Amino acid sequence: MGSEFLARLSEEMLDYHRAMAEVLVEHCGIGRAEAVARINQAFGDEDAPPEDHEIMGHEFPEFWAYGAYYRPDDQGRLPIGDPDMDAHIDFAKLPIRPAPPKGSPCWTLGETDA
């Protein structure tokens, strides 16, 4: 608790969630505030015990981050963070999920927070 994320996270998973946010910032070109809001929307269950998030660590952070940003393509595919597996996906054609509405509790950072 006490971080930018709504979910209760261990220190390890806090670092992992921050890595997911960094993926969204670097690869999707959105600001950190929006990246955190998207992660909060997708994975911010405040009532879930911290260990519920530990299973996420078995995948690349990109796997979860891309799922919070993109919708599957017309063949039901989402990128997973493995360059070889993702090579056939045209990122430019993937539909983008809408960001959480402004004013939603998912937005825990201001636009200028880094």
C-alpha atoms as a PDB file:
ATOM      1  CA  MET A   1       0.000   0.000   0.000  1.00  0.00           C
ATOM      2  CA  GLY A   2       0.999   3.607  -0.231  1.00  0.00           C
ATOM      3  CA  SER A   3       2.020   3.469  -3.880  1.00  0.00           C
ATOM      4  CA  GLU A   4       0.530   4.802  -7.088  1.00  0.00           C
ATOM      5  CA  PHE A   5      -1.232   1.479  -7.624  1.00  0.00           C
ATOM      6  CA  LEU A   6      -4.586   0.619  -6.106  1.00  0.00           C
ATOM      7  CA  ALA A   7      -3.793  -3.056  -5.557  1.00  0.00           C
ATOM      8  CA  ARG A   8      -2.041  -4.167  -2.402  1.00  0.00           C
ATOM      9  CA  LEU A   9       1.363  -5.300  -3.671  1.00  0.00           C
ATOM     10  CA  SER A  10       4.495  -6.857  -2.262  1.00  0.00           C
ATOM     11  CA  GLU A  11       7.713  -4.925  -2.933  1.00  0.00           C
ATOM     12  CA  GLU A  12       8.532  -7.354  -5.743  1.00  0.00           C
ATOM     13  CA  MET A  13       5.139  -6.896  -7.384  1.00  0.00           C
ATOM     14  CA  LEU A  14       5.312  -3.127  -6.913  1.00  0.00           C
ATOM     15  CA  ASP A  15       8.501  -3.179  -8.999  1.00  0.00           C
ATOM     16  CA  TYR A  16       6.768  -5.446 -11.521  1.00  0.00           C
ATOM     17  CA  HIS A  17       3.769  -3.076 -11.823  1.00  0.00           C
ATOM     18  CA  ARG A  18       6.165  -0.182 -12.299  1.00  0.00           C
ATOM     19  CA  ALA A  19       7.859  -2.176 -15.071  1.00  0.00           C
ATOM     20  CA  MET A  20       4.447  -2.642 -16.710  1.00  0.00           C
ATOM     21  CA  ALA A  21       3.889   1.118 -16.546  1.00  0.00           C
ATOM     22  CA  GLU A  22       7.288   1.692 -18.118  1.00  0.00           C
ATOM     23  CA  VAL A  23       6.355  -0.658 -20.992  1.00  0.00           C
ATOM     24  CA  LEU A  24       3.251   1.431 -21.668  1.00  0.00           C
ATOM     25  CA  VAL A  25       5.203   4.686 -21.540  1.00  0.00           C
ATOM     26  CA  GLU A  26       8.044   3.474 -23.774  1.00  0.00           C
ATOM     27  CA  HIS A  27       6.207   1.268 -26.249  1.00  0.00           C
ATOM     28  CA  CYS A  28       2.764   2.855 -26.422  1.00  0.00           C
ATOM     29  CA  GLY A  29       3.805   6.492 -26.076  1.00  0.00           C
ATOM     30  CA  ILE A  30       1.458   7.416 -23.240  1.00  0.00           C
ATOM     31  CA  GLY A  31       2.262   9.353 -20.085  1.00  0.00           C
ATOM     32  CA  ARG A  32       3.050   7.658 -16.798  1.00  0.00           C
ATOM     33  CA  ALA A  33      -0.200   8.877 -15.211  1.00  0.00           C
ATOM     34  CA  GLU A  34      -2.254   7.204 -17.935  1.00  0.00           C
ATOM     35  CA  ALA A  35      -0.113   4.059 -17.793  1.00  0.00           C
ATOM     36  CA  VAL A  36      -0.719   3.740 -14.052  1.00  0.00           C
ATOM     37  CA  ALA A  37      -4.436   4.471 -14.514  1.00  0.00           C
ATOM     38  CA  ARG A  38      -4.722   1.711 -17.135  1.00  0.00           C
ATOM     39  CA  ILE A  39      -2.935  -0.766 -14.864  1.00  0.00           C
ATOM     40  CA  ASN A  40      -5.148   0.260 -11.960  1.00  0.00           C
ATOM     41  CA  GLN A  41      -8.236  -0.237 -14.111  1.00  0.00           C
ATOM     42  CA  ALA A  42      -7.125  -3.692 -15.223  1.00  0.00           C
ATOM     43  CA  PHE A  43      -5.469  -4.999 -12.048  1.00  0.00           C
ATOM     44  CA  GLY A  44      -6.325  -2.619  -9.223  1.00  0.00           C
ATOM     45  CA  ASP A  45      -8.536  -4.813  -7.053  1.00  0.00           C
ATOM     46  CA  GLU A  46      -7.897  -3.262  -3.646  1.00  0.00           C
ATOM     47  CA  ASP A  47      -9.586  -6.175  -1.884  1.00  0.00           C
ATOM     48  CA  ALA A  48      -7.385  -8.869  -3.408  1.00  0.00           C
ATOM     49  CA  PRO A  49      -4.611 -10.089  -1.123  1.00  0.00           C
ATOM     50  CA  PRO A  50      -1.081  -9.238  -2.332  1.00  0.00           C
ATOM     51  CA  GLU A  51      -0.336 -12.867  -3.143  1.00  0.00           C
ATOM     52  CA  ASP A  52      -3.097 -12.844  -5.787  1.00  0.00           C
ATOM     53  CA  HIS A  53      -0.815 -10.675  -7.919  1.00  0.00           C
ATOM     54  CA  GLU A  54       2.240 -12.908  -7.556  1.00  0.00           C
ATOM     55  CA  ILE A  55       1.108 -15.159 -10.433  1.00  0.00           C
ATOM     56  CA  MET A  56       1.586 -12.224 -12.808  1.00  0.00           C
ATOM     57  CA  GLY A  57       5.345 -12.515 -12.350  1.00  0.00           C
ATOM     58  CA  HIS A  58       5.390 -15.709 -14.404  1.00  0.00           C
ATOM     59  CA  GLU A  59       4.935 -13.648 -17.589  1.00  0.00           C
ATOM     60  CA  PHE A  60       6.829 -10.737 -19.088  1.00  0.00           C
ATOM     61  CA  PRO A  61       5.528  -7.358 -17.806  1.00  0.00           C
ATOM     62  CA  GLU A  62       4.666  -6.650 -21.455  1.00  0.00           C
ATOM     63  CA  PHE A  63       2.141  -9.509 -21.414  1.00  0.00           C
ATOM     64  CA  TRP A  64      -0.049  -7.758 -18.853  1.00  0.00           C
ATOM     65  CA  ALA A  65       0.766  -4.189 -19.939  1.00  0.00           C
ATOM     66  CA  TYR A  66      -0.201  -4.781 -23.563  1.00  0.00           C
ATOM     67  CA  GLY A  67      -3.461  -6.380 -22.442  1.00  0.00           C
ATOM     68  CA  ALA A  68      -4.291  -3.238 -20.460  1.00  0.00           C
ATOM     69  CA  TYR A  69      -3.667  -1.058 -23.525  1.00  0.00           C
ATOM     70  CA  TYR A  70      -4.622  -3.048 -26.620  1.00  0.00           C
ATOM     71  CA  ARG A  71      -7.647  -5.063 -27.589  1.00  0.00           C
ATOM     72  CA  PRO A  72      -7.004  -8.294 -29.523  1.00  0.00           C
ATOM     73  CA  ASP A  73      -6.626  -8.056 -33.294  1.00  0.00           C
ATOM     74  CA  ASP A  74      -9.161  -9.527 -35.727  1.00  0.00           C
ATOM     75  CA  GLN A  75      -7.605 -12.956 -35.156  1.00  0.00           C
ATOM     76  CA  GLY A  76      -7.881 -12.674 -31.373  1.00  0.00           C
ATOM     77  CA  ARG A  77      -4.160 -12.083 -30.843  1.00  0.00           C
ATOM     78  CA  LEU A  78      -2.476  -9.791 -28.358  1.00  0.00           C
ATOM     79  CA  PRO A  79       1.259  -9.172 -28.131  1.00  0.00           C
ATOM     80  CA  ILE A  80       2.916 -10.935 -25.207  1.00  0.00           C
ATOM     81  CA  GLY A  81       6.315  -9.252 -24.996  1.00  0.00           C
ATOM     82  CA  ASP A  82       8.307 -11.922 -26.812  1.00  0.00           C
ATOM     83  CA  PRO A  83       9.773 -10.414 -30.007  1.00  0.00           C
ATOM     84  CA  ASP A  84       9.646 -13.739 -31.874  1.00  0.00           C
ATOM     85  CA  MET A  85       6.055 -14.498 -30.863  1.00  0.00           C
ATOM     86  CA  ASP A  86       4.948 -10.900 -31.511  1.00  0.00           C
ATOM     87  CA  ALA A  87       6.674 -10.570 -34.904  1.00  0.00           C
ATOM     88  CA  HIS A  88       3.478 -11.390 -36.829  1.00  0.00           C
ATOM     89  CA  ILE A  89       1.375  -8.762 -35.019  1.00  0.00           C
ATOM     90  CA  ASP A  90       1.033  -5.307 -36.559  1.00  0.00           C
ATOM     91  CA  PHE A  91       0.967  -3.097 -33.456  1.00  0.00           C
ATOM     92  CA  ALA A  92      -0.224  -0.125 -35.521  1.00  0.00           C
ATOM     93  CA  LYS A  93      -3.419  -1.986 -36.407  1.00  0.00           C
ATOM     94  CA  LEU A  94      -4.275  -3.223 -32.926  1.00  0.00           C
ATOM     95  CA  PRO A  95      -7.368  -1.561 -31.473  1.00  0.00           C
ATOM     96  CA  ILE A  96      -6.666   0.477 -28.354  1.00  0.00           C
ATOM     97  CA  ARG A  97      -8.764   0.173 -25.224  1.00  0.00           C
ATOM     98  CA  PRO A  98     -10.163   3.452 -23.955  1.00  0.00           C
ATOM     99  CA  ALA A  99      -8.308   4.969 -21.022  1.00  0.00           C
ATOM    100  CA  PRO A 100     -10.153   5.127 -17.717  1.00  0.00           C
ATOM    101  CA  PRO A 101     -12.358   8.210 -17.526  1.00  0.00           C
ATOM    102  CA  LYS A 102     -10.717  11.287 -16.029  1.00  0.00           C
ATOM    103  CA  GLY A 103     -11.734  11.659 -12.412  1.00  0.00           C
ATOM    104  CA  SER A 104     -11.939   7.882 -11.942  1.00  0.00           C
ATOM    105  CA  PRO A 105     -10.174   6.483  -8.858  1.00  0.00           C
ATOM    106  CA  CYS A 106      -7.783   4.734 -11.272  1.00  0.00           C
ATOM    107  CA  TRP A 107      -6.022   8.067 -11.857  1.00  0.00           C
ATOM    108  CA  THR A 108      -3.727   8.207  -8.842  1.00  0.00           C
ATOM    109  CA  LEU A 109      -1.055  10.387 -10.446  1.00  0.00           C
ATOM    110  CA  GLY A 110      -1.348  13.864 -11.876  1.00  0.00           C
ATOM    111  CA  GLU A 111      -0.341  14.419 -15.494  1.00  0.00           C
ATOM    112  CA  THR A 112       2.959  15.941 -14.376  1.00  0.00           C
ATOM    113  CA  ASP A 113       3.930  13.114 -11.981  1.00  0.00           C
ATOM    114  CA  ALA A 114       6.905  11.100 -13.143  1.00  0.00           C
END
